[in-house]
Amino acid sequence: APTAEHGKWTDKRYEMKRLRSILNKWQTE
């Protein structure tokens, strides 16, 4: 989920809105 400049290689934390959007999409669709 984190949108990092170098793909997965980041120490950034997740944003809840983005995480929620992804989890909800897979549950509902």
Full PDB file with SEQRES, HELIX, SHEET, SSBOND, CRYST1, ORIGX, SCALE, CONECT and MASTER records, all heavy atoms in Angstrom:
SEQRES   1 A   29  ALA PRO THR ALA GLU HIS GLY LYS TRP THR ASP LYS ARG          
SEQRES   2 A   29  TYR GLU MET LYS ARG LEU ARG SER ILE LEU ASN LYS TRP          
SEQRES   3 A   29  GLN THR GLU                                                  
HELIX    1 AA1 MET A   16  THR A   28  1                                  13    
CRYST1    1.000    1.000    1.000  90.00  90.00  90.00 P 1           1          
ORIGX1      1.000000  0.000000  0.000000        0.00000                         
ORIGX2      0.000000  1.000000  0.000000        0.00000                         
ORIGX3      0.000000  0.000000  1.000000        0.00000                         
SCALE1      1.000000  0.000000  0.000000        0.00000                         
SCALE2      0.000000  1.000000  0.000000        0.00000                         
SCALE3      0.000000  0.000000  1.000000        0.00000                         
ATOM      1  N   ALA A   1       0.769  -1.241   0.000  1.00  0.00           N  
ATOM      2  CA  ALA A   1       0.000   0.000   0.000  1.00  0.00           C  
ATOM      3  C   ALA A   1       0.804   1.297   0.000  1.00  0.00           C  
ATOM      4  O   ALA A   1       0.440   2.222  -0.707  1.00  0.00           O  
ATOM      5  CB  ALA A   1      -0.985   0.007   1.169  1.00  0.00           C  
ATOM      6  N   PRO A   2       1.869   1.454   0.783  1.00  0.00           N  
ATOM      7  CA  PRO A   2       2.536   2.764   0.782  1.00  0.00           C  
ATOM      8  C   PRO A   2       3.070   3.107  -0.610  1.00  0.00           C  
ATOM      9  O   PRO A   2       3.670   2.270  -1.268  1.00  0.00           O  
ATOM     10  CB  PRO A   2       3.702   2.581   1.767  1.00  0.00           C  
ATOM     11  CG  PRO A   2       3.336   1.410   2.591  1.00  0.00           C  
ATOM     12  CD  PRO A   2       2.535   0.520   1.697  1.00  0.00           C  
ATOM     13  N   THR A   3       2.814   4.307  -1.039  1.00  0.00           N  
ATOM     14  CA  THR A   3       3.336   4.730  -2.339  1.00  0.00           C  
ATOM     15  C   THR A   3       4.714   5.337  -2.113  1.00  0.00           C  
ATOM     16  O   THR A   3       4.848   6.487  -1.701  1.00  0.00           O  
ATOM     17  CB  THR A   3       2.389   5.766  -2.982  1.00  0.00           C  
ATOM     18  OG1 THR A   3       2.127   6.800  -2.018  1.00  0.00           O  
ATOM     19  CG2 THR A   3       1.082   5.114  -3.382  1.00  0.00           C  
ATOM     20  N   ALA A   4       5.734   4.565  -2.353  1.00  0.00           N  
ATOM     21  CA  ALA A   4       7.109   4.996  -2.108  1.00  0.00           C  
ATOM     22  C   ALA A   4       7.818   5.244  -3.434  1.00  0.00           C  
ATOM     23  O   ALA A   4       7.489   4.646  -4.464  1.00  0.00           O  
ATOM     24  CB  ALA A   4       7.851   3.938  -1.295  1.00  0.00           C  
ATOM     25  N   GLU A   5       8.808   6.097  -3.390  1.00  0.00           N  
ATOM     26  CA  GLU A   5       9.558   6.451  -4.594  1.00  0.00           C  
ATOM     27  C   GLU A   5      10.281   5.246  -5.168  1.00  0.00           C  
ATOM     28  O   GLU A   5      10.434   5.120  -6.384  1.00  0.00           O  
ATOM     29  CB  GLU A   5      10.560   7.559  -4.258  1.00  0.00           C  
ATOM     30  CG  GLU A   5      11.347   8.056  -5.449  1.00  0.00           C  
ATOM     31  CD  GLU A   5      12.352   9.128  -5.087  1.00  0.00           C  
ATOM     32  OE1 GLU A   5      12.454   9.461  -3.886  1.00  0.00           O  
ATOM     33  OE2 GLU A   5      13.043   9.633  -5.996  1.00  0.00           O  
ATOM     34  N   HIS A   6      10.717   4.332  -4.289  1.00  0.00           N  
ATOM     35  CA  HIS A   6      11.507   3.185  -4.732  1.00  0.00           C  
ATOM     36  C   HIS A   6      10.796   1.869  -4.424  1.00  0.00           C  
ATOM     37  O   HIS A   6      11.381   0.940  -3.882  1.00  0.00           O  
ATOM     38  CB  HIS A   6      12.882   3.230  -4.078  1.00  0.00           C  
ATOM     39  CG  HIS A   6      13.621   4.513  -4.332  1.00  0.00           C  
ATOM     40  ND1 HIS A   6      13.926   4.954  -5.602  1.00  0.00           N  
ATOM     41  CD2 HIS A   6      14.082   5.458  -3.474  1.00  0.00           C  
ATOM     42  CE1 HIS A   6      14.560   6.119  -5.527  1.00  0.00           C  
ATOM     43  NE2 HIS A   6      14.661   6.442  -4.257  1.00  0.00           N  
ATOM     44  N   GLY A   7       9.520   1.810  -4.763  1.00  0.00           N  
ATOM     45  CA  GLY A   7       8.760   0.584  -4.577  1.00  0.00           C  
ATOM     46  C   GLY A   7       8.573   0.240  -3.113  1.00  0.00           C  
ATOM     47  O   GLY A   7       8.221   1.097  -2.297  1.00  0.00           O  
ATOM     48  N   LYS A   8       8.847  -0.994  -2.748  1.00  0.00           N  
ATOM     49  CA  LYS A   8       8.649  -1.445  -1.375  1.00  0.00           C  
ATOM     50  C   LYS A   8       9.662  -0.877  -0.395  1.00  0.00           C  
ATOM     51  O   LYS A   8       9.462  -0.944   0.815  1.00  0.00           O  
ATOM     52  CB  LYS A   8       8.687  -2.977  -1.317  1.00  0.00           C  
ATOM     53  CG  LYS A   8      10.047  -3.583  -1.598  1.00  0.00           C  
ATOM     54  CD  LYS A   8      10.024  -5.109  -1.533  1.00  0.00           C  
ATOM     55  CE  LYS A   8      10.119  -5.613  -0.108  1.00  0.00           C  
ATOM     56  NZ  LYS A   8      10.219  -7.092  -0.037  1.00  0.00           N  
ATOM     57  N   TRP A   9      10.762  -0.329  -0.901  1.00  0.00           N  
ATOM     58  CA  TRP A   9      11.877   0.039  -0.030  1.00  0.00           C  
ATOM     59  C   TRP A   9      11.653   1.402   0.611  1.00  0.00           C  
ATOM     60  O   TRP A   9      12.092   2.440   0.116  1.00  0.00           O  
ATOM     61  CB  TRP A   9      13.192  -0.032  -0.804  1.00  0.00           C  
ATOM     62  CG  TRP A   9      13.401  -1.402  -1.340  1.00  0.00           C  
ATOM     63  CD1 TRP A   9      13.254  -1.819  -2.623  1.00  0.00           C  
ATOM     64  CD2 TRP A   9      13.716  -2.568  -0.574  1.00  0.00           C  
ATOM     65  NE1 TRP A   9      13.478  -3.162  -2.723  1.00  0.00           N  
ATOM     66  CE2 TRP A   9      13.763  -3.664  -1.479  1.00  0.00           C  
ATOM     67  CE3 TRP A   9      13.981  -2.802   0.775  1.00  0.00           C  
ATOM     68  CZ2 TRP A   9      14.048  -4.956  -1.072  1.00  0.00           C  
ATOM     69  CZ3 TRP A   9      14.264  -4.096   1.188  1.00  0.00           C  
ATOM     70  CH2 TRP A   9      14.293  -5.155   0.266  1.00  0.00           C  
ATOM     71  N   THR A  10      10.928   1.350   1.722  1.00  0.00           N  
ATOM     72  CA  THR A  10      10.584   2.549   2.471  1.00  0.00           C  
ATOM     73  C   THR A  10      10.356   2.176   3.924  1.00  0.00           C  
ATOM     74  O   THR A  10      10.077   1.011   4.241  1.00  0.00           O  
ATOM     75  CB  THR A  10       9.309   3.207   1.897  1.00  0.00           C  
ATOM     76  OG1 THR A  10       8.969   4.352   2.683  1.00  0.00           O  
ATOM     77  CG2 THR A  10       8.131   2.242   1.943  1.00  0.00           C  
ATOM     78  N   ASP A  11      10.476   3.165   4.801  1.00  0.00           N  
ATOM     79  CA  ASP A  11      10.128   2.943   6.203  1.00  0.00           C  
ATOM     80  C   ASP A  11       8.853   3.702   6.569  1.00  0.00           C  
ATOM     81  O   ASP A  11       8.528   3.880   7.745  1.00  0.00           O  
ATOM     82  CB  ASP A  11      11.280   3.357   7.128  1.00  0.00           C  
ATOM     83  CG  ASP A  11      11.711   4.810   6.937  1.00  0.00           C  
ATOM     84  OD1 ASP A  11      11.057   5.536   6.153  1.00  0.00           O  
ATOM     85  OD2 ASP A  11      12.706   5.223   7.567  1.00  0.00           O  
ATOM     86  N   LYS A  12       8.112   4.140   5.556  1.00  0.00           N  
ATOM     87  CA  LYS A  12       6.876   4.881   5.798  1.00  0.00           C  
ATOM     88  C   LYS A  12       5.795   3.982   6.399  1.00  0.00           C  
ATOM     89  O   LYS A  12       5.713   2.798   6.084  1.00  0.00           O  
ATOM     90  CB  LYS A  12       6.348   5.479   4.489  1.00  0.00           C  
ATOM     91  CG  LYS A  12       7.197   6.601   3.922  1.00  0.00           C  
ATOM     92  CD  LYS A  12       6.585   7.136   2.641  1.00  0.00           C  
ATOM     93  CE  LYS A  12       7.433   8.246   2.044  1.00  0.00           C  
ATOM     94  NZ  LYS A  12       6.869   8.734   0.751  1.00  0.00           N  
ATOM     95  N   ARG A  13       4.962   4.587   7.249  1.00  0.00           N  
ATOM     96  CA  ARG A  13       3.816   3.876   7.821  1.00  0.00           C  
ATOM     97  C   ARG A  13       2.636   3.965   6.852  1.00  0.00           C  
ATOM     98  O   ARG A  13       2.585   4.816   5.958  1.00  0.00           O  
ATOM     99  CB  ARG A  13       3.423   4.499   9.162  1.00  0.00           C  
ATOM    100  CG  ARG A  13       4.479   4.402  10.240  1.00  0.00           C  
ATOM    101  CD  ARG A  13       4.578   3.016  10.825  1.00  0.00           C  
ATOM    102  NE  ARG A  13       3.415   2.693  11.642  1.00  0.00           N  
ATOM    103  CZ  ARG A  13       3.315   1.593  12.378  1.00  0.00           C  
ATOM    104  NH1 ARG A  13       4.309   0.718  12.389  1.00  0.00           N  
ATOM    105  NH2 ARG A  13       2.245   1.352  13.096  1.00  0.00           N  
ATOM    106  N   TYR A  14       1.671   3.092   7.069  1.00  0.00           N  
ATOM    107  CA  TYR A  14       0.495   3.058   6.216  1.00  0.00           C  
ATOM    108  C   TYR A  14      -0.473   4.176   6.553  1.00  0.00           C  
ATOM    109  O   TYR A  14      -0.638   4.536   7.717  1.00  0.00           O  
ATOM    110  CB  TYR A  14      -0.223   1.724   6.390  1.00  0.00           C  
ATOM    111  CG  TYR A  14       0.374   0.615   5.573  1.00  0.00           C  
ATOM    112  CD1 TYR A  14       1.671   0.172   5.811  1.00  0.00           C  
ATOM    113  CD2 TYR A  14      -0.347   0.032   4.558  1.00  0.00           C  
ATOM    114  CE1 TYR A  14       2.222  -0.833   5.056  1.00  0.00           C  
ATOM    115  CE2 TYR A  14       0.199  -0.985   3.790  1.00  0.00           C  
ATOM    116  CZ  TYR A  14       1.487  -1.407   4.051  1.00  0.00           C  
ATOM    117  OH  TYR A  14       2.029  -2.390   3.290  1.00  0.00           O  
ATOM    118  N   GLU A  15      -1.165   4.688   5.538  1.00  0.00           N  
ATOM    119  CA  GLU A  15      -2.281   5.596   5.747  1.00  0.00           C  
ATOM    120  C   GLU A  15      -3.549   4.759   5.851  1.00  0.00           C  
ATOM    121  O   GLU A  15      -3.838   3.924   4.988  1.00  0.00           O  
ATOM    122  CB  GLU A  15      -2.398   6.582   4.583  1.00  0.00           C  
ATOM    123  CG  GLU A  15      -1.240   7.555   4.481  1.00  0.00           C  
ATOM    124  CD  GLU A  15      -1.408   8.519   3.320  1.00  0.00           C  
ATOM    125  OE1 GLU A  15      -2.436   8.397   2.607  1.00  0.00           O  
ATOM    126  OE2 GLU A  15      -0.530   9.372   3.133  1.00  0.00           O  
ATOM    127  N   MET A  16      -4.327   5.010   6.915  1.00  0.00           N  
ATOM    128  CA  MET A  16      -5.524   4.209   7.149  1.00  0.00           C  
ATOM    129  C   MET A  16      -6.500   4.273   5.976  1.00  0.00           C  
ATOM    130  O   MET A  16      -7.071   3.258   5.584  1.00  0.00           O  
ATOM    131  CB  MET A  16      -6.213   4.673   8.438  1.00  0.00           C  
ATOM    132  CG  MET A  16      -7.598   4.059   8.666  1.00  0.00           C  
ATOM    133  SD  MET A  16      -7.622   2.256   8.581  1.00  0.00           S  
ATOM    134  CE  MET A  16      -6.667   1.846  10.028  1.00  0.00           C  
ATOM    135  N   LYS A  17      -6.694   5.447   5.402  1.00  0.00           N  
ATOM    136  CA  LYS A  17      -7.688   5.557   4.322  1.00  0.00           C  
ATOM    137  C   LYS A  17      -7.330   4.656   3.139  1.00  0.00           C  
ATOM    138  O   LYS A  17      -8.207   4.030   2.540  1.00  0.00           O  
ATOM    139  CB  LYS A  17      -7.819   7.010   3.872  1.00  0.00           C  
ATOM    140  CG  LYS A  17      -8.546   7.889   4.885  1.00  0.00           C  
ATOM    141  CD  LYS A  17      -8.819   9.276   4.317  1.00  0.00           C  
ATOM    142  CE  LYS A  17      -9.620  10.122   5.301  1.00  0.00           C  
ATOM    143  NZ  LYS A  17      -9.927  11.473   4.770  1.00  0.00           N  
ATOM    144  N   ARG A  18      -6.066   4.597   2.827  1.00  0.00           N  
ATOM    145  CA  ARG A  18      -5.633   3.752   1.698  1.00  0.00           C  
ATOM    146  C   ARG A  18      -5.763   2.275   2.055  1.00  0.00           C  
ATOM    147  O   ARG A  18      -6.254   1.466   1.263  1.00  0.00           O  
ATOM    148  CB  ARG A  18      -4.196   4.089   1.314  1.00  0.00           C  
ATOM    149  CG  ARG A  18      -3.680   3.302   0.118  1.00  0.00           C  
ATOM    150  CD  ARG A  18      -2.324   3.814  -0.336  1.00  0.00           C  
ATOM    151  NE  ARG A  18      -1.753   2.976  -1.366  1.00  0.00           N  
ATOM    152  CZ  ARG A  18      -2.057   3.036  -2.648  1.00  0.00           C  
ATOM    153  NH1 ARG A  18      -2.977   3.895  -3.055  1.00  0.00           N  
ATOM    154  NH2 ARG A  18      -1.476   2.243  -3.536  1.00  0.00           N  
ATOM    155  N   LEU A  19      -5.335   1.917   3.263  1.00  0.00           N  
ATOM    156  CA  LEU A  19      -5.440   0.528   3.704  1.00  0.00           C  
ATOM    157  C   LEU A  19      -6.894   0.093   3.741  1.00  0.00           C  
ATOM    158  O   LEU A  19      -7.253  -0.996   3.271  1.00  0.00           O  
ATOM    159  CB  LEU A  19      -4.799   0.374   5.084  1.00  0.00           C  
ATOM    160  CG  LEU A  19      -4.805  -1.027   5.700  1.00  0.00           C  
ATOM    161  CD1 LEU A  19      -4.000  -2.001   4.843  1.00  0.00           C  
ATOM    162  CD2 LEU A  19      -4.247  -0.998   7.121  1.00  0.00           C  
ATOM    163  N   ARG A  20      -7.759   0.945   4.284  1.00  0.00           N  
ATOM    164  CA  ARG A  20      -9.184   0.620   4.365  1.00  0.00           C  
ATOM    165  C   ARG A  20      -9.779   0.412   2.978  1.00  0.00           C  
ATOM    166  O   ARG A  20     -10.537  -0.533   2.739  1.00  0.00           O  
ATOM    167  CB  ARG A  20      -9.940   1.745   5.070  1.00  0.00           C  
ATOM    168  CG  ARG A  20     -11.458   1.527   5.097  1.00  0.00           C  
ATOM    169  CD  ARG A  20     -12.225   2.751   5.545  1.00  0.00           C  
ATOM    170  NE  ARG A  20     -11.892   3.100   6.910  1.00  0.00           N  
ATOM    171  CZ  ARG A  20     -11.189   4.164   7.250  1.00  0.00           C  
ATOM    172  NH1 ARG A  20     -10.731   4.997   6.306  1.00  0.00           N  
ATOM    173  NH2 ARG A  20     -10.942   4.410   8.506  1.00  0.00           N  
ATOM    174  N   SER A  21      -9.439   1.304   2.082  1.00  0.00           N  
ATOM    175  CA  SER A  21      -9.985   1.215   0.727  1.00  0.00           C  
ATOM    176  C   SER A  21      -9.651  -0.123   0.075  1.00  0.00           C  
ATOM    177  O   SER A  21     -10.508  -0.748  -0.563  1.00  0.00           O  
ATOM    178  CB  SER A  21      -9.431   2.364  -0.112  1.00  0.00           C  
ATOM    179  OG  SER A  21      -9.801   2.238  -1.462  1.00  0.00           O  
ATOM    180  N   ILE A  22      -8.425  -0.575   0.267  1.00  0.00           N  
ATOM    181  CA  ILE A  22      -7.987  -1.838  -0.343  1.00  0.00           C  
ATOM    182  C   ILE A  22      -8.677  -3.034   0.314  1.00  0.00           C  
ATOM    183  O   ILE A  22      -9.226  -3.912  -0.370  1.00  0.00           O  
ATOM    184  CB  ILE A  22      -6.460  -1.965  -0.254  1.00  0.00           C  
ATOM    185  CG1 ILE A  22      -5.789  -0.917  -1.146  1.00  0.00           C  
ATOM    186  CG2 ILE A  22      -6.005  -3.370  -0.648  1.00  0.00           C  
ATOM    187  CD1 ILE A  22      -4.303  -0.757  -0.901  1.00  0.00           C  
ATOM    188  N   LEU A  23      -8.667  -3.075   1.648  1.00  0.00           N  
ATOM    189  CA  LEU A  23      -9.293  -4.202   2.346  1.00  0.00           C  
ATOM    190  C   LEU A  23     -10.783  -4.277   2.033  1.00  0.00           C  
ATOM    191  O   LEU A  23     -11.330  -5.368   1.776  1.00  0.00           O  
ATOM    192  CB  LEU A  23      -9.069  -4.077   3.853  1.00  0.00           C  
ATOM    193  CG  LEU A  23      -7.625  -4.225   4.343  1.00  0.00           C  
ATOM    194  CD1 LEU A  23      -7.551  -3.961   5.846  1.00  0.00           C  
ATOM    195  CD2 LEU A  23      -7.075  -5.611   4.031  1.00  0.00           C  
ATOM    196  N   ASN A  24     -11.459  -3.137   2.060  1.00  0.00           N  
ATOM    197  CA  ASN A  24     -12.901  -3.129   1.789  1.00  0.00           C  
ATOM    198  C   ASN A  24     -13.210  -3.560   0.358  1.00  0.00           C  
ATOM    199  O   ASN A  24     -14.191  -4.265   0.103  1.00  0.00           O  
ATOM    200  CB  ASN A  24     -13.483  -1.741   2.051  1.00  0.00           C  
ATOM    201  CG  ASN A  24     -13.573  -1.404   3.527  1.00  0.00           C  
ATOM    202  OD1 ASN A  24     -13.144  -2.190   4.375  1.00  0.00           O  
ATOM    203  ND2 ASN A  24     -14.115  -0.247   3.844  1.00  0.00           N  
ATOM    204  N   LYS A  25     -12.369  -3.119  -0.573  1.00  0.00           N  
ATOM    205  CA  LYS A  25     -12.586  -3.490  -1.980  1.00  0.00           C  
ATOM    206  C   LYS A  25     -12.567  -5.004  -2.156  1.00  0.00           C  
ATOM    207  O   LYS A  25     -13.448  -5.574  -2.808  1.00  0.00           O  
ATOM    208  CB  LYS A  25     -11.514  -2.842  -2.857  1.00  0.00           C  
ATOM    209  CG  LYS A  25     -11.598  -3.253  -4.331  1.00  0.00           C  
ATOM    210  CD  LYS A  25     -10.514  -2.585  -5.157  1.00  0.00           C  
ATOM    211  CE  LYS A  25      -9.142  -3.121  -4.878  1.00  0.00           C  
ATOM    212  NZ  LYS A  25      -8.116  -2.585  -5.807  1.00  0.00           N  
ATOM    213  N   TRP A  26     -11.574  -5.663  -1.554  1.00  0.00           N  
ATOM    214  CA  TRP A  26     -11.469  -7.112  -1.722  1.00  0.00           C  
ATOM    215  C   TRP A  26     -12.604  -7.846  -1.009  1.00  0.00           C  
ATOM    216  O   TRP A  26     -13.068  -8.893  -1.477  1.00  0.00           O  
ATOM    217  CB  TRP A  26     -10.097  -7.595  -1.247  1.00  0.00           C  
ATOM    218  CG  TRP A  26      -9.048  -7.293  -2.267  1.00  0.00           C  
ATOM    219  CD1 TRP A  26      -8.315  -6.153  -2.383  1.00  0.00           C  
ATOM    220  CD2 TRP A  26      -8.661  -8.118  -3.365  1.00  0.00           C  
ATOM    221  NE1 TRP A  26      -7.481  -6.214  -3.477  1.00  0.00           N  
ATOM    222  CE2 TRP A  26      -7.673  -7.422  -4.099  1.00  0.00           C  
ATOM    223  CE3 TRP A  26      -9.048  -9.390  -3.796  1.00  0.00           C  
ATOM    224  CZ2 TRP A  26      -7.074  -7.953  -5.239  1.00  0.00           C  
ATOM    225  CZ3 TRP A  26      -8.437  -9.923  -4.930  1.00  0.00           C  
ATOM    226  CH2 TRP A  26      -7.472  -9.201  -5.638  1.00  0.00           C  
ATOM    227  N   GLN A  27     -13.060  -7.303   0.108  1.00  0.00           N  
ATOM    228  CA  GLN A  27     -14.180  -7.932   0.805  1.00  0.00           C  
ATOM    229  C   GLN A  27     -15.484  -7.804   0.019  1.00  0.00           C  
ATOM    230  O   GLN A  27     -16.236  -8.770  -0.128  1.00  0.00           O  
ATOM    231  CB  GLN A  27     -14.356  -7.297   2.192  1.00  0.00           C  
ATOM    232  CG  GLN A  27     -13.319  -7.726   3.203  1.00  0.00           C  
ATOM    233  CD  GLN A  27     -13.514  -9.150   3.688  1.00  0.00           C  
ATOM    234  OE1 GLN A  27     -14.565  -9.512   4.226  1.00  0.00           O  
ATOM    235  NE2 GLN A  27     -12.504  -9.987   3.495  1.00  0.00           N  
ATOM    236  N   THR A  28     -15.757  -6.623  -0.485  1.00  0.00           N  
ATOM    237  CA  THR A  28     -17.050  -6.389  -1.131  1.00  0.00           C  
ATOM    238  C   THR A  28     -17.113  -6.901  -2.566  1.00  0.00           C  
ATOM    239  O   THR A  28     -18.128  -7.469  -2.990  1.00  0.00           O  
ATOM    240  CB  THR A  28     -17.390  -4.887  -1.114  1.00  0.00           C  
ATOM    241  OG1 THR A  28     -16.337  -4.145  -1.752  1.00  0.00           O  
ATOM    242  CG2 THR A  28     -17.548  -4.388   0.311  1.00  0.00           C  
ATOM    243  N   GLU A  29     -16.034  -6.754  -3.316  1.00  0.00           N  
ATOM    244  CA  GLU A  29     -16.104  -7.077  -4.744  1.00  0.00           C  
ATOM    245  C   GLU A  29     -15.950  -8.571  -5.045  1.00  0.00           C  
ATOM    246  O   GLU A  29     -16.285  -9.013  -6.140  1.00  0.00           O  
ATOM    247  CB  GLU A  29     -15.074  -6.257  -5.522  1.00  0.00           C  
ATOM    248  CG  GLU A  29     -15.379  -4.767  -5.470  1.00  0.00           C  
ATOM    249  CD  GLU A  29     -14.531  -3.943  -6.421  1.00  0.00           C  
ATOM    250  OE1 GLU A  29     -14.036  -4.508  -7.419  1.00  0.00           O  
ATOM    251  OE2 GLU A  29     -14.368  -2.734  -6.167  1.00  0.00           O  
TER     252      GLU A  29                                                      
MASTER        0    0    0    1    0    0    0    6  251    1    0    3          
END                                                                             
